Amino acid sequence: MQQAAGYYNSVTRRSGKITKLLCSRSAEIHVIIYGQTQLEQYFMQREAVWTLALFILLMISATAGSVLRDRLPAPHRGNETIDFLRVVTALLVTFAALVMSLLLASELNAYTTASHDRNHYAAGLAEMDLCLRNYGSALDNERQLLHSYTAAVIASTWPEEPQPPGVAYPDMSKLPLVGEAPALGAILNTIGLGIAHQQPADPFHQALVTRCHQVFTNLMMGRWTVIEDAHGSLSAPFLGVLIFWLMLVFLSFGLQAPKNLLAGSIVAVAIVSVASVMFVILDLDLPYGGLFGISSTSMRNALADMLAQ
């Protein structure tokens, strides 16, 4: 019995070390991520790192449960003990499944909202360009700045895609993939100041200036909404706790599962299924980049519409 307990404690300590190491690496990446393109791309692939770690830890847990069962004395492997273990396992499975399902629904809703906000922002840029064009040549410089801003947003948000053709824009290679970029904010500020400096000479242009002010205000609000949407809400400590719960579940599976190929295959399929769900949750948490990343189509369509006029 002491030998089995020692083995279990050894496995638990090793699993804890792996989890702590993963949390520390994730935190280090988060601290130094901005301004470094290669690390930004790695950070956006964090779901692969966490999923692989989860797969390994669950395999260790299931294997530890199976080995621990063989080392337990016969009285601890009786039917009454196994029945009680199944009741506890059902509680753990229900709890873990509830947490993961709620987490998946929350991340999917956040991803859908971020996609809608991006499309709405692209429409706002096109509307801003139309208002500037309707005002006339006095705001031609501000309109060109808006074109440059839109192209720069596309180039900085989707650096792995082809750069927008047909318009010049500042070098965006050193800007962060997520978060507020002061250089882009300065461009919008210049556009807003240009609109504010206008002194309309007739009611028609006065109405257009008022309209442009309103559109610009909505555009700035939409910009900050998009910026906030890009940040993930999951934290490394929470993921570590969730992984610990899942490890307990698969440890109990290992204690109960018979030693044959079919049972081992079923446990392996269960591990792959749980890991795939975790992959989807992590990928949806960061809406820009990854397998389910938000497309640049709406922004490119808005820019194309601006340049066509």
Foldseek 3Di string as FASTA:
>chain_A
DVVLVVLVVVLVVVLVVLLVVLQVVLVVLVVPVAQDVVSLQVNLVVLVVLLVSLLVLLVSLLVSLQVSLVVDDPVCLDPVNLVVLVVVLVVLVVVLVVVLVVLLVVLVVLLVVLLVLVLVLLVLLLVLLVLLVVLHDLLPVLSLLSLQLLQLLCCLQCVVDDRQPDHDHDDNSRGGNAADDVVSVVSLVVSLVSLVPDDDPDPVSVVSSVVSNVSSVVSVVSVVVSRVSQAFDDHSVVSSVSSVSSSVSSNSLSNNFDPDDVSVVVSSVVSVVVSVSSSSSSSSRRQRDDDNHRDCVSSSVSSVSSVVD
